[in-house]
Amino acid sequence: MGDYQLQVTIDQDSGFCFGVVYAIDMAEEILEEDGYLYCLGDIVHNDEEVARLKAKGLRIIEHADLVNLSNEKVLIRAHGEAPDTYRIALENNITLIDASCPVVLKLQNRIKTSFDANEKILIFGKHGHAEVVGLQGQTNNEALVFQDIAELDHVELPKNITLYSQTTKSMEKFYSIKDQLLQRGYDLKANDTICRQVSNRDQDLPKFAAKFDKIVFVSGVKSSNGKVLYEVCRKHNPNTYFISSPSELKNTMFAPGDKVGIAGATSTPMWLMQQVKGVLQAY
């Protein structure tokens, strides 16, 4: 019977990026000590991991709740926050546990410097995404955010513009946007601010995806980076399935003896990919 079993391999480069590892380690340490901890927004764009931490006492709050909170500890997740959050915390005697990713903090800084120099700033990023909200906050919310270059078709922009990118966007798309803006005749300062841990995954995943009959891509639906990496997998292996939890697997997706690769986003926990592997090996 052995030949009919699925051969399942997890991509060892998948799983949490260092920014997420750092935030979760920090949260777990305080949960051990205090038994609970407030976190501003989902600590990571993965519902399964959020549920695991909630069971340990993590309390997810939104920005509207911050105003009514005082004398508490609140975690800032890897995505970073706008200056407003720090101001409210100071007024309400809230201790911020700042787990903002260093790559994001550096980008916030660069955007603030550009803004202070009166540059017209464009941010290639997802509207309303936690990281993007923090970036826009550095510009008094004056920066123009766009997900697709078509959004700029009917916008009057000055001749001189400065382009930045959300750290988890597709590198390929960023450079294509840069080229199109140059073709449109703008004097463009383009800053490639995509996280190298993310862009390296862009480059390594095609090789991984091509090795297997099927790919199971595990990611939360809210993960921007998950969308990018899933598309990379699908481009190099059309038999790629997107799932958020093992319960979405069906044995009809696979043929006996299939070689199956499991990959995930920078917000997908390794334990979840291992659960998926377990389910597949039981078929």
C-alpha atoms as a PDB file:
ATOM      1  CA  MET A   1       0.000   0.000   0.000  1.00  0.00           C
ATOM      2  CA  GLY A   2       2.940   2.317   0.682  1.00  0.00           C
ATOM      3  CA  ASP A   3       3.085   3.593  -2.899  1.00  0.00           C
ATOM      4  CA  TYR A   4      -0.342   5.176  -2.606  1.00  0.00           C
ATOM      5  CA  GLN A   5       0.572   7.406   0.294  1.00  0.00           C
ATOM      6  CA  LEU A   6       1.184  11.059  -0.389  1.00  0.00           C
ATOM      7  CA  GLN A   7       4.802  12.181  -0.127  1.00  0.00           C
ATOM      8  CA  VAL A   8       4.617  15.412   1.819  1.00  0.00           C
ATOM      9  CA  THR A   9       7.366  18.016   2.268  1.00  0.00           C
ATOM     10  CA  ILE A  10       7.200  21.333   4.145  1.00  0.00           C
ATOM     11  CA  ASP A  11       9.127  24.266   2.688  1.00  0.00           C
ATOM     12  CA  GLN A  12      11.701  24.978   5.402  1.00  0.00           C
ATOM     13  CA  ASP A  13      11.924  28.656   4.381  1.00  0.00           C
ATOM     14  CA  SER A  14       8.221  29.108   5.054  1.00  0.00           C
ATOM     15  CA  GLY A  15       6.847  30.227   8.379  1.00  0.00           C
ATOM     16  CA  PHE A  16       7.250  33.286  10.568  1.00  0.00           C
ATOM     17  CA  CYS A  17       9.604  36.062   9.572  1.00  0.00           C
ATOM     18  CA  PHE A  18      11.847  37.406  12.350  1.00  0.00           C
ATOM     19  CA  GLY A  19       9.544  40.389  13.005  1.00  0.00           C
ATOM     20  CA  VAL A  20       6.631  38.088  13.813  1.00  0.00           C
ATOM     21  CA  VAL A  21       8.790  35.705  15.886  1.00  0.00           C
ATOM     22  CA  TYR A  22       9.969  38.703  17.918  1.00  0.00           C
ATOM     23  CA  ALA A  23       6.423  39.979  18.556  1.00  0.00           C
ATOM     24  CA  ILE A  24       5.072  36.569  19.538  1.00  0.00           C
ATOM     25  CA  ASP A  25       8.030  35.797  21.830  1.00  0.00           C
ATOM     26  CA  MET A  26       7.496  39.130  23.545  1.00  0.00           C
ATOM     27  CA  ALA A  27       3.752  38.477  23.960  1.00  0.00           C
ATOM     28  CA  GLU A  28       4.290  34.961  25.337  1.00  0.00           C
ATOM     29  CA  GLU A  29       6.838  36.206  27.860  1.00  0.00           C
ATOM     30  CA  ILE A  30       4.414  38.773  29.290  1.00  0.00           C
ATOM     31  CA  LEU A  31       1.489  36.326  29.196  1.00  0.00           C
ATOM     32  CA  GLU A  32       3.574  33.925  31.314  1.00  0.00           C
ATOM     33  CA  GLU A  33       4.187  36.662  33.884  1.00  0.00           C
ATOM     34  CA  ASP A  34       0.919  38.609  33.915  1.00  0.00           C
ATOM     35  CA  GLY A  35      -1.635  36.091  32.636  1.00  0.00           C
ATOM     36  CA  TYR A  36      -3.061  38.576  30.141  1.00  0.00           C
ATOM     37  CA  LEU A  37      -1.911  41.220  27.674  1.00  0.00           C
ATOM     38  CA  TYR A  38      -3.705  43.661  25.399  1.00  0.00           C
ATOM     39  CA  CYS A  39      -2.661  43.692  21.760  1.00  0.00           C
ATOM     40  CA  LEU A  40      -3.580  46.417  19.293  1.00  0.00           C
ATOM     41  CA  GLY A  41      -5.090  44.578  16.329  1.00  0.00           C
ATOM     42  CA  ASP A  42      -4.419  40.935  15.384  1.00  0.00           C
ATOM     43  CA  ILE A  43      -0.864  40.125  16.498  1.00  0.00           C
ATOM     44  CA  VAL A  44      -0.387  38.291  13.194  1.00  0.00           C
ATOM     45  CA  HIS A  45      -2.633  37.862  10.148  1.00  0.00           C
ATOM     46  CA  ASN A  46      -3.349  34.253  10.998  1.00  0.00           C
ATOM     47  CA  ASP A  47      -6.544  33.319  12.843  1.00  0.00           C
ATOM     48  CA  GLU A  48      -5.207  29.977  14.100  1.00  0.00           C
ATOM     49  CA  GLU A  49      -2.156  31.548  15.738  1.00  0.00           C
ATOM     50  CA  VAL A  50      -4.282  34.377  17.180  1.00  0.00           C
ATOM     51  CA  ALA A  51      -6.624  31.783  18.708  1.00  0.00           C
ATOM     52  CA  ARG A  52      -3.665  29.940  20.251  1.00  0.00           C
ATOM     53  CA  LEU A  53      -2.437  33.139  21.924  1.00  0.00           C
ATOM     54  CA  LYS A  54      -5.931  34.240  22.990  1.00  0.00           C
ATOM     55  CA  ALA A  55      -6.181  30.960  24.889  1.00  0.00           C
ATOM     56  CA  LYS A  56      -3.052  32.066  26.788  1.00  0.00           C
ATOM     57  CA  GLY A  57      -4.682  35.398  27.696  1.00  0.00           C
ATOM     58  CA  LEU A  58      -4.006  37.706  24.756  1.00  0.00           C
ATOM     59  CA  ARG A  59      -6.774  40.294  24.442  1.00  0.00           C
ATOM     60  CA  ILE A  60      -7.126  41.833  20.992  1.00  0.00           C
ATOM     61  CA  ILE A  61      -8.348  45.433  21.025  1.00  0.00           C
ATOM     62  CA  GLU A  62      -8.963  47.997  18.294  1.00  0.00           C
ATOM     63  CA  HIS A  63      -7.807  51.622  18.126  1.00  0.00           C
ATOM     64  CA  ALA A  64     -11.197  52.837  19.358  1.00  0.00           C
ATOM     65  CA  ASP A  65     -10.674  50.847  22.591  1.00  0.00           C
ATOM     66  CA  LEU A  66      -7.311  52.438  23.308  1.00  0.00           C
ATOM     67  CA  VAL A  67      -8.878  55.753  24.281  1.00  0.00           C
ATOM     68  CA  ASN A  68     -10.842  54.075  27.106  1.00  0.00           C
ATOM     69  CA  LEU A  69      -7.901  52.094  28.439  1.00  0.00           C
ATOM     70  CA  SER A  70      -5.479  53.345  31.082  1.00  0.00           C
ATOM     71  CA  ASN A  71      -2.646  52.073  33.302  1.00  0.00           C
ATOM     72  CA  GLU A  72      -2.302  48.882  31.231  1.00  0.00           C
ATOM     73  CA  LYS A  73       0.302  47.221  29.016  1.00  0.00           C
ATOM     74  CA  VAL A  74      -0.470  47.149  25.307  1.00  0.00           C
ATOM     75  CA  LEU A  75       1.532  45.310  22.670  1.00  0.00           C
ATOM     76  CA  ILE A  76       2.276  46.933  19.333  1.00  0.00           C
ATOM     77  CA  ARG A  77       2.626  44.163  16.760  1.00  0.00           C
ATOM     78  CA  ALA A  78       5.265  43.868  14.045  1.00  0.00           C
ATOM     79  CA  HIS A  79       3.245  45.996  11.566  1.00  0.00           C
ATOM     80  CA  GLY A  80       3.997  49.175  13.544  1.00  0.00           C
ATOM     81  CA  GLU A  81       1.747  52.079  14.517  1.00  0.00           C
ATOM     82  CA  ALA A  82       1.080  55.698  13.600  1.00  0.00           C
ATOM     83  CA  PRO A  83       2.338  58.531  15.894  1.00  0.00           C
ATOM     84  CA  ASP A  84      -1.219  58.994  17.180  1.00  0.00           C
ATOM     85  CA  THR A  85      -1.116  55.662  19.014  1.00  0.00           C
ATOM     86  CA  TYR A  86       1.987  56.705  20.960  1.00  0.00           C
ATOM     87  CA  ARG A  87       0.359  60.017  21.853  1.00  0.00           C
ATOM     88  CA  ILE A  88      -2.803  58.370  23.249  1.00  0.00           C
ATOM     89  CA  ALA A  89      -0.697  55.864  25.207  1.00  0.00           C
ATOM     90  CA  LEU A  90       1.228  58.710  26.827  1.00  0.00           C
ATOM     91  CA  GLU A  91      -1.977  60.531  27.788  1.00  0.00           C
ATOM     92  CA  ASN A  92      -3.569  57.363  29.246  1.00  0.00           C
ATOM     93  CA  ASN A  93      -0.500  56.110  31.090  1.00  0.00           C
ATOM     94  CA  ILE A  94      -0.406  53.000  28.901  1.00  0.00           C
ATOM     95  CA  THR A  95       2.879  51.082  28.767  1.00  0.00           C
ATOM     96  CA  LEU A  96       3.537  50.198  25.153  1.00  0.00           C
ATOM     97  CA  ILE A  97       5.326  46.921  24.527  1.00  0.00           C
ATOM     98  CA  ASP A  98       6.705  47.869  21.139  1.00  0.00           C
ATOM     99  CA  ALA A  99       7.299  44.866  18.909  1.00  0.00           C
ATOM    100  CA  SER A 100       7.320  46.897  15.685  1.00  0.00           C
ATOM    101  CA  CYS A 101       9.515  45.162  13.132  1.00  0.00           C
ATOM    102  CA  PRO A 102      12.855  46.999  12.661  1.00  0.00           C
ATOM    103  CA  VAL A 103      12.372  46.901   8.874  1.00  0.00           C
ATOM    104  CA  VAL A 104       9.031  48.697   9.276  1.00  0.00           C
ATOM    105  CA  LEU A 105      10.436  51.217  11.789  1.00  0.00           C
ATOM    106  CA  LYS A 106      13.245  52.114   9.394  1.00  0.00           C
ATOM    107  CA  LEU A 107      10.701  52.624   6.620  1.00  0.00           C
ATOM    108  CA  GLN A 108       8.504  54.806   8.877  1.00  0.00           C
ATOM    109  CA  ASN A 109      11.566  56.911   9.556  1.00  0.00           C
ATOM    110  CA  ARG A 110      12.453  57.300   5.889  1.00  0.00           C
ATOM    111  CA  ILE A 111       8.892  58.296   5.015  1.00  0.00           C
ATOM    112  CA  LYS A 112       8.809  60.847   7.820  1.00  0.00           C
ATOM    113  CA  THR A 113      12.098  62.347   6.578  1.00  0.00           C
ATOM    114  CA  SER A 114      10.706  62.620   3.024  1.00  0.00           C
ATOM    115  CA  PHE A 115       7.522  64.185   4.348  1.00  0.00           C
ATOM    116  CA  ASP A 116       9.470  66.723   6.415  1.00  0.00           C
ATOM    117  CA  ALA A 117      11.350  67.625   3.222  1.00  0.00           C
ATOM    118  CA  ASN A 118       7.975  68.380   1.566  1.00  0.00           C
ATOM    119  CA  GLU A 119       8.169  65.540  -0.925  1.00  0.00           C
ATOM    120  CA  LYS A 120       4.979  64.243  -2.552  1.00  0.00           C
ATOM    121  CA  ILE A 121       4.797  60.658  -1.278  1.00  0.00           C
ATOM    122  CA  LEU A 122       3.192  57.644  -2.934  1.00  0.00           C
ATOM    123  CA  ILE A 123       2.929  54.356  -1.070  1.00  0.00           C
ATOM    124  CA  PHE A 124       2.421  51.135  -2.995  1.00  0.00           C
ATOM    125  CA  GLY A 125       0.428  49.157  -0.446  1.00  0.00           C
ATOM    126  CA  LYS A 126      -2.875  47.680   0.558  1.00  0.00           C
ATOM    127  CA  HIS A 127      -5.552  50.208   1.584  1.00  0.00           C
ATOM    128  CA  GLY A 128      -6.305  49.993   5.291  1.00  0.00           C
ATOM    129  CA  HIS A 129      -3.540  47.466   6.016  1.00  0.00           C
ATOM    130  CA  ALA A 130      -2.077  47.842   9.519  1.00  0.00           C
ATOM    131  CA  GLU A 131       1.440  48.577   8.268  1.00  0.00           C
ATOM    132  CA  VAL A 132       0.188  51.055   5.667  1.00  0.00           C
ATOM    133  CA  VAL A 133      -1.898  52.945   8.245  1.00  0.00           C
ATOM    134  CA  GLY A 134       1.271  53.347  10.331  1.00  0.00           C
ATOM    135  CA  LEU A 135       3.254  54.540   7.307  1.00  0.00           C
ATOM    136  CA  GLN A 136       0.594  57.023   6.272  1.00  0.00           C
ATOM    137  CA  GLY A 137       0.539  58.325   9.824  1.00  0.00           C
ATOM    138  CA  GLN A 138       4.130  59.527   9.357  1.00  0.00           C
ATOM    139  CA  THR A 139       2.826  61.929   6.689  1.00  0.00           C
ATOM    140  CA  ASN A 140      -0.147  63.283   8.569  1.00  0.00           C
ATOM    141  CA  ASN A 141      -2.145  60.935   6.304  1.00  0.00           C
ATOM    142  CA  GLU A 142      -1.208  63.016   3.264  1.00  0.00           C
ATOM    143  CA  ALA A 143       0.665  60.254   1.423  1.00  0.00           C
ATOM    144  CA  LEU A 144      -1.243  58.722  -1.470  1.00  0.00           C
ATOM    145  CA  VAL A 145      -1.758  54.971  -1.073  1.00  0.00           C
ATOM    146  CA  PHE A 146      -2.476  52.802  -4.101  1.00  0.00           C
ATOM    147  CA  GLN A 147      -2.676  49.041  -4.666  1.00  0.00           C
ATOM    148  CA  ASP A 148      -2.659  49.209  -8.416  1.00  0.00           C
ATOM    149  CA  ILE A 149      -1.193  51.720 -10.859  1.00  0.00           C
ATOM    150  CA  ALA A 150      -4.613  52.094 -12.513  1.00  0.00           C
ATOM    151  CA  GLU A 151      -5.645  54.032  -9.382  1.00  0.00           C
ATOM    152  CA  LEU A 152      -3.260  56.808 -10.453  1.00  0.00           C
ATOM    153  CA  ASP A 153      -4.695  57.177 -13.973  1.00  0.00           C
ATOM    154  CA  HIS A 154      -6.939  60.122 -13.129  1.00  0.00           C
ATOM    155  CA  VAL A 155      -4.947  61.625 -10.288  1.00  0.00           C
ATOM    156  CA  GLU A 156      -3.100  64.880 -10.842  1.00  0.00           C
ATOM    157  CA  LEU A 157       0.374  64.414  -9.426  1.00  0.00           C
ATOM    158  CA  PRO A 158       3.210  66.918  -9.273  1.00  0.00           C
ATOM    159  CA  LYS A 159       6.208  66.324 -11.543  1.00  0.00           C
ATOM    160  CA  ASN A 160       8.416  65.274  -8.614  1.00  0.00           C
ATOM    161  CA  ILE A 161       7.205  62.254  -6.661  1.00  0.00           C
ATOM    162  CA  THR A 162       8.717  59.849  -4.152  1.00  0.00           C
ATOM    163  CA  LEU A 163       7.656  56.212  -4.192  1.00  0.00           C
ATOM    164  CA  TYR A 164       7.782  53.793  -1.262  1.00  0.00           C
ATOM    165  CA  SER A 165       6.420  50.277  -0.826  1.00  0.00           C
ATOM    166  CA  GLN A 166       4.745  48.382   1.979  1.00  0.00           C
ATOM    167  CA  THR A 167       7.402  45.882   3.129  1.00  0.00           C
ATOM    168  CA  THR A 168       5.481  42.760   2.058  1.00  0.00           C
ATOM    169  CA  LYS A 169       4.553  43.694  -1.499  1.00  0.00           C
ATOM    170  CA  SER A 170       5.659  41.889  -4.652  1.00  0.00           C
ATOM    171  CA  MET A 171       9.055  43.072  -5.837  1.00  0.00           C
ATOM    172  CA  GLU A 172       8.178  42.340  -9.457  1.00  0.00           C
ATOM    173  CA  LYS A 173       5.086  44.542  -9.225  1.00  0.00           C
ATOM    174  CA  PHE A 174       7.008  47.331  -7.465  1.00  0.00           C
ATOM    175  CA  TYR A 175       9.596  47.556 -10.258  1.00  0.00           C
ATOM    176  CA  SER A 176       6.916  47.411 -12.927  1.00  0.00           C
ATOM    177  CA  ILE A 177       5.152  50.355 -11.229  1.00  0.00           C
ATOM    178  CA  LYS A 178       8.442  52.245 -11.038  1.00  0.00           C
ATOM    179  CA  ASP A 179       9.002  51.742 -14.792  1.00  0.00           C
ATOM    180  CA  GLN A 180       5.478  52.833 -15.667  1.00  0.00           C
ATOM    181  CA  LEU A 181       5.759  56.018 -13.605  1.00  0.00           C
ATOM    182  CA  LEU A 182       9.065  56.849 -15.310  1.00  0.00           C
ATOM    183  CA  GLN A 183       7.420  56.237 -18.705  1.00  0.00           C
ATOM    184  CA  ARG A 184       4.679  58.660 -17.700  1.00  0.00           C
ATOM    185  CA  GLY A 185       7.381  61.305 -17.407  1.00  0.00           C
ATOM    186  CA  TYR A 186       7.575  61.868 -13.652  1.00  0.00           C
ATOM    187  CA  ASP A 187      10.773  62.807 -11.869  1.00  0.00           C
ATOM    188  CA  LEU A 188      10.709  59.820  -9.599  1.00  0.00           C
ATOM    189  CA  LYS A 189      12.606  58.912  -6.469  1.00  0.00           C
ATOM    190  CA  ALA A 190      11.826  55.191  -6.108  1.00  0.00           C
ATOM    191  CA  ASN A 191      12.698  53.488  -2.838  1.00  0.00           C
ATOM    192  CA  ASP A 192      12.571  49.703  -2.856  1.00  0.00           C
ATOM    193  CA  THR A 193      11.530  49.151   0.768  1.00  0.00           C
ATOM    194  CA  ILE A 194      10.406  45.545   0.415  1.00  0.00           C
ATOM    195  CA  CYS A 195      11.667  43.310   3.204  1.00  0.00           C
ATOM    196  CA  ARG A 196      14.473  41.083   1.967  1.00  0.00           C
ATOM    197  CA  GLN A 197      13.146  38.130   3.917  1.00  0.00           C
ATOM    198  CA  VAL A 198       9.958  38.492   1.862  1.00  0.00           C
ATOM    199  CA  SER A 199      11.627  39.130  -1.498  1.00  0.00           C
ATOM    200  CA  ASN A 200      13.992  36.180  -0.997  1.00  0.00           C
ATOM    201  CA  ARG A 201      10.926  33.996  -0.546  1.00  0.00           C
ATOM    202  CA  ASP A 202       9.667  35.402  -3.876  1.00  0.00           C
ATOM    203  CA  GLN A 203      12.855  34.087  -5.443  1.00  0.00           C
ATOM    204  CA  ASP A 204      13.114  30.702  -3.675  1.00  0.00           C
ATOM    205  CA  LEU A 205       9.480  29.627  -3.874  1.00  0.00           C
ATOM    206  CA  PRO A 206       9.372  29.055  -7.658  1.00  0.00           C
ATOM    207  CA  LYS A 207      12.051  26.360  -7.335  1.00  0.00           C
ATOM    208  CA  PHE A 208      10.167  24.751  -4.445  1.00  0.00           C
ATOM    209  CA  ALA A 209       6.773  24.889  -6.182  1.00  0.00           C
ATOM    210  CA  ALA A 210       8.070  23.306  -9.385  1.00  0.00           C
ATOM    211  CA  LYS A 211       9.303  20.167  -7.582  1.00  0.00           C
ATOM    212  CA  PHE A 212       5.841  18.845  -6.646  1.00  0.00           C
ATOM    213  CA  ASP A 213       2.665  17.505  -8.237  1.00  0.00           C
ATOM    214  CA  LYS A 214       0.562  19.693  -5.931  1.00  0.00           C
ATOM    215  CA  ILE A 215       1.230  22.606  -3.595  1.00  0.00           C
ATOM    216  CA  VAL A 216      -0.833  23.361  -0.502  1.00  0.00           C
ATOM    217  CA  PHE A 217      -0.347  27.016   0.412  1.00  0.00           C
ATOM    218  CA  VAL A 218      -1.317  27.740   4.014  1.00  0.00           C
ATOM    219  CA  SER A 219      -2.099  31.342   4.942  1.00  0.00           C
ATOM    220  CA  GLY A 220      -4.577  33.600   6.671  1.00  0.00           C
ATOM    221  CA  VAL A 221      -6.876  35.386   4.218  1.00  0.00           C
ATOM    222  CA  LYS A 222      -5.834  38.768   5.680  1.00  0.00           C
ATOM    223  CA  SER A 223      -2.144  38.263   4.960  1.00  0.00           C
ATOM    224  CA  SER A 224      -0.868  40.551   2.170  1.00  0.00           C
ATOM    225  CA  ASN A 225       2.323  38.581   1.926  1.00  0.00           C
ATOM    226  CA  GLY A 226       0.267  35.378   1.739  1.00  0.00           C
ATOM    227  CA  LYS A 227      -1.521  36.672  -1.358  1.00  0.00           C
ATOM    228  CA  VAL A 228       1.788  37.563  -3.021  1.00  0.00           C
ATOM    229  CA  LEU A 229       3.456  34.229  -2.231  1.00  0.00           C
ATOM    230  CA  TYR A 230       0.381  32.184  -3.175  1.00  0.00           C
ATOM    231  CA  GLU A 231       0.416  33.848  -6.610  1.00  0.00           C
ATOM    232  CA  VAL A 232       4.129  33.029  -6.950  1.00  0.00           C
ATOM    233  CA  CYS A 233       3.361  29.358  -6.211  1.00  0.00           C
ATOM    234  CA  ARG A 234       0.414  29.274  -8.585  1.00  0.00           C
ATOM    235  CA  LYS A 235       2.431  30.823 -11.377  1.00  0.00           C
ATOM    236  CA  HIS A 236       5.040  28.047 -11.134  1.00  0.00           C
ATOM    237  CA  ASN A 237       2.635  25.259 -10.250  1.00  0.00           C
ATOM    238  CA  PRO A 238      -0.989  25.636 -11.408  1.00  0.00           C
ATOM    239  CA  ASN A 239      -1.989  22.818  -9.008  1.00  0.00           C
ATOM    240  CA  THR A 240      -1.705  25.087  -5.990  1.00  0.00           C
ATOM    241  CA  TYR A 241      -4.427  25.142  -3.316  1.00  0.00           C
ATOM    242  CA  PHE A 242      -4.901  28.043  -0.882  1.00  0.00           C
ATOM    243  CA  ILE A 243      -6.115  26.976   2.574  1.00  0.00           C
ATOM    244  CA  SER A 244      -6.296  28.696   5.953  1.00  0.00           C
ATOM    245  CA  SER A 245      -6.832  25.603   8.060  1.00  0.00           C
ATOM    246  CA  PRO A 246      -6.450  21.815   7.717  1.00  0.00           C
ATOM    247  CA  SER A 247     -10.257  21.437   7.735  1.00  0.00           C
ATOM    248  CA  GLU A 248     -10.335  22.877   4.191  1.00  0.00           C
ATOM    249  CA  LEU A 249      -8.365  19.928   2.791  1.00  0.00           C
ATOM    250  CA  LYS A 250     -10.232  17.303   0.785  1.00  0.00           C
ATOM    251  CA  ASN A 251      -8.705  14.025  -0.327  1.00  0.00           C
ATOM    252  CA  THR A 252     -10.253  14.580  -3.776  1.00  0.00           C
ATOM    253  CA  MET A 253      -7.609  17.293  -4.323  1.00  0.00           C
ATOM    254  CA  PHE A 254      -4.919  14.613  -4.543  1.00  0.00           C
ATOM    255  CA  ALA A 255      -4.113  11.480  -6.501  1.00  0.00           C
ATOM    256  CA  PRO A 256      -2.508   8.406  -4.882  1.00  0.00           C
ATOM    257  CA  GLY A 257       1.256   8.782  -4.593  1.00  0.00           C
ATOM    258  CA  ASP A 258       1.230  12.550  -5.310  1.00  0.00           C
ATOM    259  CA  LYS A 259       4.292  14.494  -4.247  1.00  0.00           C
ATOM    260  CA  VAL A 260       2.874  17.389  -2.221  1.00  0.00           C
ATOM    261  CA  GLY A 261       4.704  20.527  -1.085  1.00  0.00           C
ATOM    262  CA  ILE A 262       3.427  22.670   1.784  1.00  0.00           C
ATOM    263  CA  ALA A 263       4.346  26.348   1.881  1.00  0.00           C
ATOM    264  CA  GLY A 264       3.105  29.348   3.813  1.00  0.00           C
ATOM    265  CA  ALA A 265       3.282  33.083   4.365  1.00  0.00           C
ATOM    266  CA  THR A 266       5.601  34.951   6.743  1.00  0.00           C
ATOM    267  CA  SER A 267       2.603  34.962   9.107  1.00  0.00           C
ATOM    268  CA  THR A 268       1.911  31.204   8.911  1.00  0.00           C
ATOM    269  CA  PRO A 269       3.029  29.263  11.997  1.00  0.00           C
ATOM    270  CA  MET A 270       5.136  26.148  11.420  1.00  0.00           C
ATOM    271  CA  TRP A 271       2.857  24.141  13.769  1.00  0.00           C
ATOM    272  CA  LEU A 272      -0.065  24.780  11.413  1.00  0.00           C
ATOM    273  CA  MET A 273       1.883  23.545   8.383  1.00  0.00           C
ATOM    274  CA  GLN A 274       2.824  20.458  10.404  1.00  0.00           C
ATOM    275  CA  GLN A 275      -0.868  19.848  11.165  1.00  0.00           C
ATOM    276  CA  VAL A 276      -1.601  20.064   7.445  1.00  0.00           C
ATOM    277  CA  LYS A 277       1.195  17.571   6.787  1.00  0.00           C
ATOM    278  CA  GLY A 278      -0.319  15.199   9.360  1.00  0.00           C
ATOM    279  CA  VAL A 279      -3.733  15.312   7.692  1.00  0.00           C
ATOM    280  CA  LEU A 280      -2.226  14.715   4.240  1.00  0.00           C
ATOM    281  CA  GLN A 281      -0.135  11.768   5.402  1.00  0.00           C
ATOM    282  CA  ALA A 282      -3.230  10.139   6.878  1.00  0.00           C
ATOM    283  CA  TYR A 283      -4.890   9.982   3.433  1.00  0.00           C
END
